[in-house]
Amino acid sequence: MFIKVQNNQFIKNGKPYHFIGTNFWYGAHLAAKESGDRERLLNELNVLKKNGITNLRIMAGSEGEDHLPYSIPVSLQPKPGVYNQDVLEGLDFLLSEMQKRDMHAVVCLSNFWYWSGGLSQYVSWVTNEAIPYPNDTNNWEKYMRFTAKFYTNKDAITAYNQHLDTVITRVNSITEIPYSEDPTIMSWELANEPYAMQNKKAYQKWIENSSLLIKQLAPNQLITIGGEGNTPFPWFTNNSCLSDYNFDSLDYITIHIWIQNWEWYNPNKHEKTFAIALKKAKNYIEEHVAIAKSLNKPLVLEEFGISRDHLKYTKDSSVNHRNQYFKAIFDFLCENIENKSSFVGCNFWAWGGFGIIHTPGEVSNNNGEFIGDPAHEPQGWYSVFETDEATLQLIKEYNTKLNMFHTNYL
């Protein structure tokens, strides 16, 4: 059965569907037969399932040549319209194994950020302009404005639309089920964290047109943007959740919260900054719960996390502060579910599982094993590993609690 939306709730098999899931963006690449590690992939899924983590946000879009700076080492789409069959079949394998475990995928189709190619790569392909990587220039605004040119470039949008068609109409080579008819896929996302920037009108037209296209291709599955919400930092993103999501073709709202990146929280001053940061995080959720209520749509917090204690990057460093943060967010989720608000699920960032931190605290070209931290960020920063037993126990306990809500909710 497909997950549906009824008013401001997700419905699965006639009952409300709530979840504490994770971001497993590299799942399809890990599942590739030649360039991935299917044995590890199966172990990852088993550990996730064991701990009640059955909603996985994955990427089905990585653009550009292999081994680009700060990016996924083996690309899904190395050239416009040209696909790496090994990675595509990895996506097939991932979805088939998720189906066996009654898991659901939130499938993100592209990215505002360059760690998977994304919208900036489409711009570069059609204009032949070099991508101004902020790791090189330390100028994030310049990169963001470059990427936002995507919304006004017809050729770039055409290439993106062709990618949507290729992925969404694909027939799984293992299950022989078309992606658009597979209930394993809960939803499609236009992109990860797209920002309007200087092209707000064109941005919202892209949202409308893209979501309508997906709705035509996959009428039984849900659609969302994949964005942060109103994005308080930096201020010039020019996003407006109320107007961005005010389209009938969008089924639910997503938000991301980054208390550390947004300079609300300092991991080296936990006692002084945590309480204030948590209050701001809850206020951000409540701000968007109000928007979701006005639009009568569910709300998912699909990215949130903080570093290991005192900004350490190795697996053996403690995560007491992270566990404190996760518990507070999970409690707030449960409170909202009990009150039947629009806030119905969350996905923490990000699953590192059995991966190895090859360059702790440093960026990587990801020539080693995949973990939750993309190559352009310090490795070991936000990843939750299989050795983080207290974190996994916490997640398991709250997912068990959510399962009780399912039976007692109606």
Protein backbone atom coordinates (compact mmCIF):
# COMPACT_ATOMS: atom_id res chain seq x y z
CA MET A 1 0.00 0.00 0.00
CA PHE A 2 1.21 3.48 -0.87
CA ILE A 3 1.64 6.01 1.92
CA LYS A 4 -1.00 8.69 1.47
CA VAL A 5 -1.79 12.08 2.98
CA GLN A 6 -5.06 12.67 4.74
CA ASN A 7 -5.38 16.27 5.91
CA ASN A 8 -2.18 16.93 7.89
CA GLN A 9 -1.23 13.27 8.47
CA PHE A 10 0.51 10.45 6.65
CA ILE A 11 -1.59 7.29 6.35
CA LYS A 12 -0.28 3.74 5.87
CA ASN A 13 -2.67 0.81 5.71
CA GLY A 14 -5.45 2.95 7.08
CA LYS A 15 -3.48 4.13 10.12
CA PRO A 16 -1.39 7.25 10.83
CA TYR A 17 2.24 6.80 9.87
CA HIS A 18 4.92 8.37 12.09
CA PHE A 19 8.66 7.73 11.95
CA ILE A 20 12.14 8.45 13.21
CA GLY A 21 14.25 7.66 10.16
CA THR A 22 17.63 8.66 8.83
CA ASN A 23 19.49 10.12 5.89
CA PHE A 24 21.19 7.34 3.96
CA TRP A 25 22.05 9.42 0.91
CA TYR A 26 24.81 7.13 -0.40
CA GLY A 27 22.65 3.98 -0.30
CA ALA A 28 22.40 3.47 -4.07
CA HIS A 29 26.14 3.99 -4.53
CA LEU A 30 26.93 1.55 -1.74
CA ALA A 31 24.53 -0.95 -3.37
CA ALA A 32 26.30 -0.79 -6.75
CA LYS A 33 27.64 -4.24 -7.63
CA GLU A 34 30.97 -3.14 -9.11
CA SER A 35 31.82 0.14 -7.40
CA GLY A 36 29.94 -0.39 -4.11
CA ASP A 37 29.80 -2.97 -1.33
CA ARG A 38 26.57 -4.95 -1.28
CA GLU A 39 27.56 -7.03 1.72
CA ARG A 40 27.99 -3.88 3.77
CA LEU A 41 24.74 -2.49 2.37
CA LEU A 42 22.83 -5.54 3.62
CA ASN A 43 24.45 -5.22 7.05
CA GLU A 44 23.50 -1.54 7.19
CA LEU A 45 19.86 -2.25 6.37
CA ASN A 46 19.71 -5.03 8.95
CA VAL A 47 21.06 -2.77 11.71
CA LEU A 48 18.69 0.02 10.73
CA LYS A 49 15.69 -2.31 10.71
CA LYS A 50 16.72 -3.80 14.07
CA ASN A 51 16.55 -0.32 15.59
CA GLY A 52 13.21 0.60 14.04
CA ILE A 53 14.75 2.93 11.43
CA THR A 54 12.68 2.16 8.35
CA ASN A 55 12.30 5.55 6.64
CA LEU A 56 15.41 6.32 4.61
CA ARG A 57 16.12 9.52 2.69
CA ILE A 58 18.27 8.55 -0.28
CA MET A 59 19.78 10.23 -3.34
CA ALA A 60 18.79 9.28 -6.89
CA GLY A 61 20.77 12.05 -8.50
CA SER A 62 24.51 12.53 -8.71
CA GLU A 63 25.79 14.48 -11.67
CA GLY A 64 29.18 15.13 -13.23
CA GLU A 65 32.35 13.25 -14.03
CA ASP A 66 33.68 10.68 -11.58
CA HIS A 67 36.04 11.91 -8.85
CA LEU A 68 35.14 15.58 -9.10
CA PRO A 69 36.42 17.69 -6.17
CA TYR A 70 34.48 17.22 -2.93
CA SER A 71 31.94 14.96 -4.60
CA ILE A 72 30.66 11.37 -4.77
CA PRO A 73 33.48 9.34 -6.39
CA VAL A 74 31.34 7.46 -8.94
CA SER A 75 28.55 9.50 -10.50
CA LEU A 76 25.09 8.26 -11.45
CA GLN A 77 24.93 10.67 -14.44
CA PRO A 78 28.49 11.45 -15.62
CA LYS A 79 27.23 13.36 -18.68
CA PRO A 80 23.81 14.81 -19.55
CA GLY A 81 21.49 11.88 -20.27
CA VAL A 82 24.28 9.31 -19.85
CA TYR A 83 23.95 6.96 -16.88
CA ASN A 84 26.25 4.62 -15.01
CA GLN A 85 24.28 1.36 -15.15
CA ASP A 86 26.14 -0.04 -12.16
CA VAL A 87 24.85 2.77 -9.92
CA LEU A 88 21.36 2.63 -11.43
CA GLU A 89 21.24 -1.09 -10.69
CA GLY A 90 22.52 -0.24 -7.22
CA LEU A 91 19.40 1.88 -6.76
CA ASP A 92 17.35 -1.12 -7.93
CA PHE A 93 19.09 -3.36 -5.41
CA LEU A 94 18.67 -0.88 -2.57
CA LEU A 95 14.93 -0.50 -3.20
CA SER A 96 14.44 -4.26 -3.55
CA GLU A 97 16.16 -4.90 -0.23
CA MET A 98 14.21 -2.11 1.45
CA GLN A 99 11.01 -3.68 0.15
CA LYS A 100 11.93 -6.98 1.85
CA ARG A 101 12.28 -5.13 5.16
CA ASP A 102 9.09 -3.04 4.85
CA MET A 103 11.14 0.15 4.63
CA HIS A 104 10.19 3.32 2.79
CA ALA A 105 12.37 5.60 0.68
CA VAL A 106 12.25 9.36 0.37
CA VAL A 107 13.99 9.77 -2.98
CA CYS A 108 15.85 13.03 -3.57
CA LEU A 109 16.32 13.72 -7.27
CA SER A 110 19.06 16.37 -7.20
CA ASN A 111 20.95 18.76 -4.93
CA PHE A 112 21.59 22.47 -4.48
CA TRP A 113 25.03 21.52 -3.17
CA TYR A 114 27.99 20.31 -5.21
CA TRP A 115 28.81 17.20 -3.15
CA SER A 116 26.64 15.21 -5.54
CA GLY A 117 26.95 17.43 -8.60
CA GLY A 118 23.41 18.74 -8.47
CA LEU A 119 21.89 21.88 -9.96
CA SER A 120 25.25 23.61 -10.29
CA GLN A 121 26.42 20.78 -12.55
CA TYR A 122 23.40 21.24 -14.82
CA VAL A 123 24.28 24.95 -15.07
CA SER A 124 27.90 24.12 -15.84
CA TRP A 125 26.92 21.56 -18.47
CA VAL A 126 24.79 23.95 -20.50
CA THR A 127 26.88 27.12 -20.05
CA ASN A 128 30.40 25.60 -19.96
CA GLU A 129 31.11 27.80 -16.92
CA ALA A 130 33.28 26.35 -14.17
CA ILE A 131 31.56 25.68 -10.85
CA PRO A 132 32.95 28.11 -8.24
CA TYR A 133 33.52 25.58 -5.46
CA PRO A 134 33.32 27.43 -2.11
CA ASN A 135 35.89 25.06 -0.60
CA ASP A 136 38.34 26.70 -3.00
CA THR A 137 37.08 30.29 -2.93
CA ASN A 138 35.59 30.47 0.59
CA ASN A 139 32.78 32.40 -1.08
CA TRP A 140 29.56 30.53 -0.43
CA GLU A 141 27.29 33.28 -1.70
CA LYS A 142 29.04 33.29 -5.08
CA TYR A 143 28.47 29.54 -5.40
CA MET A 144 24.83 29.83 -4.30
CA ARG A 145 24.07 32.57 -6.82
CA PHE A 146 25.76 30.54 -9.55
CA THR A 147 23.61 27.52 -8.72
CA ALA A 148 20.41 29.59 -8.57
CA LYS A 149 20.93 30.51 -12.24
CA PHE A 150 19.52 27.03 -12.84
CA TYR A 151 15.95 28.27 -12.36
CA THR A 152 16.18 30.70 -15.29
CA ASN A 153 18.08 28.44 -17.69
CA LYS A 154 15.69 26.51 -19.94
CA ASP A 155 18.37 24.09 -21.14
CA ALA A 156 19.42 23.23 -17.59
CA ILE A 157 15.80 22.64 -16.59
CA THR A 158 15.24 20.48 -19.67
CA ALA A 159 18.21 18.30 -18.70
CA TYR A 160 16.86 18.06 -15.14
CA ASN A 161 13.40 17.12 -16.41
CA GLN A 162 14.91 14.39 -18.55
CA HIS A 163 16.58 13.03 -15.43
CA LEU A 164 13.23 13.01 -13.61
CA ASP A 165 11.70 11.04 -16.47
CA THR A 166 14.61 8.57 -16.60
CA VAL A 167 14.49 7.76 -12.89
CA ILE A 168 10.77 7.89 -12.16
CA THR A 169 9.74 5.79 -15.18
CA ARG A 170 12.50 3.23 -14.59
CA VAL A 171 11.51 -0.41 -14.14
CA ASN A 172 13.45 -2.09 -11.32
CA SER A 173 15.69 -4.73 -12.91
CA ILE A 174 15.34 -6.99 -9.85
CA THR A 175 11.68 -6.70 -8.80
CA GLU A 176 10.43 -5.78 -12.30
CA ILE A 177 8.22 -3.16 -10.64
CA PRO A 178 8.22 0.33 -12.19
CA TYR A 179 9.51 2.87 -9.69
CA SER A 180 6.30 4.85 -10.09
CA GLU A 181 4.30 1.79 -8.98
CA ASP A 182 6.50 0.75 -6.06
CA PRO A 183 5.01 1.49 -2.59
CA THR A 184 8.56 1.24 -1.20
CA ILE A 185 9.01 4.77 -2.56
CA MET A 186 7.09 7.01 -0.19
CA SER A 187 7.93 10.26 -1.95
CA TRP A 188 10.01 12.17 -4.48
CA GLU A 189 11.94 15.33 -3.61
CA LEU A 190 12.80 17.97 -6.19
CA ALA A 191 16.26 18.57 -4.71
CA ASN A 192 18.16 18.79 -1.47
CA GLU A 193 17.98 22.26 0.09
CA PRO A 194 17.22 24.37 -2.99
CA TYR A 195 17.49 28.11 -2.37
CA ALA A 196 15.62 30.77 -4.34
CA MET A 197 18.40 33.37 -4.03
CA GLN A 198 18.11 36.11 -6.69
CA ASN A 199 15.53 34.20 -8.74
CA LYS A 200 12.56 33.75 -6.41
CA LYS A 201 9.83 33.99 -9.04
CA ALA A 202 11.59 31.52 -11.34
CA TYR A 203 12.36 29.28 -8.35
CA GLN A 204 8.70 28.99 -7.44
CA LYS A 205 7.74 28.38 -11.07
CA TRP A 206 10.31 25.56 -11.15
CA ILE A 207 8.76 24.09 -8.00
CA GLU A 208 5.29 24.20 -9.55
CA ASN A 209 6.31 22.81 -12.94
CA SER A 210 8.58 20.08 -11.57
CA SER A 211 6.05 18.86 -9.02
CA LEU A 212 3.32 18.76 -11.66
CA LEU A 213 5.62 16.73 -13.93
CA ILE A 214 6.35 14.23 -11.16
CA LYS A 215 2.65 14.03 -10.30
CA GLN A 216 1.97 13.03 -13.90
CA LEU A 217 4.73 10.42 -13.88
CA ALA A 218 4.00 9.01 -10.40
CA PRO A 219 0.42 9.83 -9.35
CA ASN A 220 0.41 7.33 -6.46
CA GLN A 221 3.49 8.69 -4.68
CA LEU A 222 3.99 11.83 -2.62
CA ILE A 223 5.95 14.91 -3.65
CA THR A 224 7.83 17.54 -1.66
CA ILE A 225 10.57 20.09 -2.28
CA GLY A 226 13.28 18.78 0.06
CA GLY A 227 14.12 22.17 1.51
CA GLU A 228 15.06 23.68 4.84
CA GLY A 229 11.96 25.84 5.28
CA ASN A 230 12.39 29.54 5.89
CA THR A 231 16.17 29.16 6.39
CA PRO A 232 17.28 31.71 9.02
CA PHE A 233 20.96 31.46 8.06
CA PRO A 234 22.16 32.82 5.72
CA TRP A 235 19.46 35.46 5.37
CA PHE A 236 19.79 35.90 1.59
CA THR A 237 18.42 32.47 0.58
CA ASN A 238 15.08 34.20 -0.17
CA ASN A 239 12.98 31.12 0.66
CA SER A 240 9.43 31.44 1.94
CA CYS A 241 7.92 28.18 3.14
CA LEU A 242 4.32 29.41 3.03
CA SER A 243 4.45 30.46 -0.62
CA ASP A 244 6.96 27.79 -1.72
CA TYR A 245 4.64 24.98 -0.58
CA ASN A 246 1.36 26.59 -1.62
CA PHE A 247 0.86 24.23 -4.57
CA ASP A 248 -1.62 21.36 -4.68
CA SER A 249 1.03 19.23 -6.37
CA LEU A 250 3.12 19.27 -3.15
CA ASP A 251 1.88 16.82 -0.53
CA TYR A 252 3.93 17.70 2.56
CA ILE A 253 6.47 20.13 3.94
CA THR A 254 10.09 19.48 4.89
CA ILE A 255 12.37 21.48 7.14
CA HIS A 256 16.01 21.13 8.18
CA ILE A 257 17.52 22.46 11.41
CA TRP A 258 21.25 23.08 11.85
CA ILE A 259 21.82 24.56 15.30
CA GLN A 260 25.58 24.34 14.87
CA ASN A 261 25.86 25.53 11.26
CA TRP A 262 23.46 28.39 11.98
CA GLU A 263 25.69 29.48 14.88
CA TRP A 264 23.07 28.87 17.55
CA TYR A 265 25.17 26.18 19.25
CA ASN A 266 28.85 25.84 20.10
CA PRO A 267 29.91 22.24 20.89
CA ASN A 268 32.86 23.55 22.90
CA LYS A 269 30.47 25.62 25.04
CA HIS A 270 27.66 23.10 25.43
CA GLU A 271 26.46 24.22 28.86
CA LYS A 272 26.24 27.86 27.78
CA THR A 273 24.68 27.43 24.34
CA PHE A 274 22.62 24.22 24.25
CA ALA A 275 19.46 25.37 26.05
CA ILE A 276 19.17 28.49 23.90
CA ALA A 277 19.84 26.52 20.71
CA LEU A 278 17.22 23.90 21.61
CA LYS A 279 14.65 26.62 22.27
CA LYS A 280 15.39 28.16 18.87
CA ALA A 281 15.08 24.74 17.24
CA LYS A 282 11.66 24.15 18.82
CA ASN A 283 10.56 27.64 17.82
CA TYR A 284 11.63 26.90 14.23
CA ILE A 285 9.56 23.72 14.25
CA GLU A 286 6.56 25.54 15.72
CA GLU A 287 6.87 28.29 13.12
CA HIS A 288 6.56 25.69 10.38
CA VAL A 289 3.88 23.68 12.19
CA ALA A 290 1.75 26.83 11.92
CA ILE A 291 2.48 27.06 8.20
CA ALA A 292 1.71 23.35 7.74
CA LYS A 293 -1.57 23.82 9.60
CA SER A 294 -2.56 26.70 7.34
CA LEU A 295 -1.80 24.58 4.26
CA ASN A 296 -3.29 21.42 5.84
CA LYS A 297 -0.15 19.38 5.10
CA PRO A 298 2.13 17.12 7.18
CA LEU A 299 5.53 18.39 8.30
CA VAL A 300 8.77 16.39 8.45
CA LEU A 301 12.04 17.49 10.06
CA GLU A 302 14.21 15.59 7.62
CA GLU A 303 17.68 16.84 8.59
CA PHE A 304 19.04 17.62 12.05
CA GLY A 305 22.13 16.72 14.02
CA ILE A 306 25.09 17.96 16.00
CA SER A 307 28.72 16.95 16.31
CA ARG A 308 30.21 14.46 18.68
CA ASP A 309 31.06 15.89 22.11
CA HIS A 310 33.50 18.84 22.08
CA LEU A 311 33.74 18.70 18.27
CA LYS A 312 35.63 15.42 18.14
CA TYR A 313 35.61 13.41 14.91
CA THR A 314 36.63 9.85 15.79
CA LYS A 315 34.30 6.93 16.37
CA ASP A 316 35.53 6.37 19.92
CA SER A 317 34.65 9.92 21.02
CA SER A 318 31.51 10.33 23.13
CA VAL A 319 28.09 11.51 21.91
CA ASN A 320 26.36 12.43 25.18
CA HIS A 321 25.41 15.90 23.92
CA ARG A 322 24.05 14.48 20.69
CA ASN A 323 21.94 11.98 22.60
CA GLN A 324 20.61 14.82 24.75
CA TYR A 325 19.66 16.74 21.62
CA PHE A 326 18.09 13.76 19.87
CA LYS A 327 16.02 12.90 22.94
CA ALA A 328 14.71 16.45 23.15
CA ILE A 329 13.70 16.43 19.48
CA PHE A 330 12.08 12.99 19.82
CA ASP A 331 10.14 14.13 22.89
CA PHE A 332 8.95 17.19 21.00
CA LEU A 333 7.87 14.99 18.09
CA CYS A 334 5.90 12.73 20.42
CA GLU A 335 4.28 15.75 22.06
CA ASN A 336 3.18 17.02 18.66
CA ILE A 337 1.85 13.63 17.63
CA GLU A 338 -0.16 13.36 20.85
CA ASN A 339 -1.62 16.78 20.08
CA LYS A 340 -2.35 15.67 16.49
CA SER A 341 -0.32 18.51 15.03
CA SER A 342 1.21 18.47 11.56
CA PHE A 343 4.69 17.51 12.83
CA VAL A 344 4.66 13.75 12.22
CA GLY A 345 8.18 12.49 11.47
CA CYS A 346 11.90 13.14 11.40
CA ASN A 347 15.09 11.86 9.76
CA PHE A 348 18.37 12.47 11.59
CA TRP A 349 21.52 13.36 9.69
CA ALA A 350 23.16 11.05 8.94
CA TRP A 351 23.77 7.32 8.92
CA GLY A 352 27.46 6.36 8.91
CA GLY A 353 26.90 2.76 9.92
CA PHE A 354 29.89 0.49 9.35
CA GLY A 355 31.82 3.17 7.43
CA ILE A 356 35.39 4.19 8.23
CA ILE A 357 36.47 7.77 8.94
CA HIS A 358 39.52 8.09 6.71
CA THR A 359 40.21 11.80 7.29
CA PRO A 360 38.80 12.71 10.73
CA GLY A 361 37.85 16.40 10.87
CA GLU A 362 39.04 17.04 7.32
CA VAL A 363 37.26 17.17 3.98
CA SER A 364 37.71 14.20 1.69
CA ASN A 365 37.40 13.30 -1.95
CA ASN A 366 35.58 10.22 -0.65
CA ASN A 367 37.88 7.69 -2.22
CA GLY A 368 37.39 5.62 0.92
CA GLU A 369 34.24 4.15 2.37
CA PHE A 370 30.98 6.07 2.48
CA ILE A 371 29.84 7.62 5.74
CA GLY A 372 27.09 10.13 6.52
CA ASP A 373 29.30 13.19 6.04
CA PRO A 374 29.58 14.28 2.38
CA ALA A 375 33.08 14.75 1.01
CA HIS A 376 33.07 18.56 1.26
CA GLU A 377 32.52 18.50 5.05
CA PRO A 378 34.74 17.37 7.95
CA GLN A 379 34.60 13.59 8.03
CA GLY A 380 33.08 12.19 11.21
CA TRP A 381 31.21 15.43 11.97
CA TYR A 382 27.56 14.33 12.05
CA SER A 383 27.67 10.61 11.25
CA VAL A 384 25.90 8.13 13.52
CA PHE A 385 27.79 4.83 13.47
CA GLU A 386 26.80 1.28 14.39
CA THR A 387 29.10 1.61 17.41
CA ASP A 388 27.01 4.48 18.83
CA GLU A 389 25.01 2.01 20.89
CA ALA A 390 23.38 4.50 23.26
CA THR A 391 22.14 6.57 20.31
CA LEU A 392 20.71 3.52 18.59
CA GLN A 393 19.03 2.35 21.79
CA LEU A 394 17.44 5.78 22.17
CA ILE A 395 16.16 5.72 18.59
CA LYS A 396 14.82 2.19 19.01
CA GLU A 397 12.94 3.14 22.19
CA TYR A 398 11.27 6.11 20.54
CA ASN A 399 10.39 4.21 17.38
CA THR A 400 8.73 1.61 19.61
CA LYS A 401 6.79 4.45 21.24
CA LEU A 402 5.73 5.75 17.81
CA ASN A 403 4.47 2.28 16.89
CA MET A 404 2.23 2.42 19.97
CA PHE A 405 0.87 5.76 18.74
CA HIS A 406 -0.10 4.07 15.47
CA THR A 407 -2.49 1.72 17.24
CA ASN A 408 -3.84 4.22 19.75
CA TYR A 409 -4.06 7.32 17.57
CA LEU A 410 -7.46 7.02 15.90
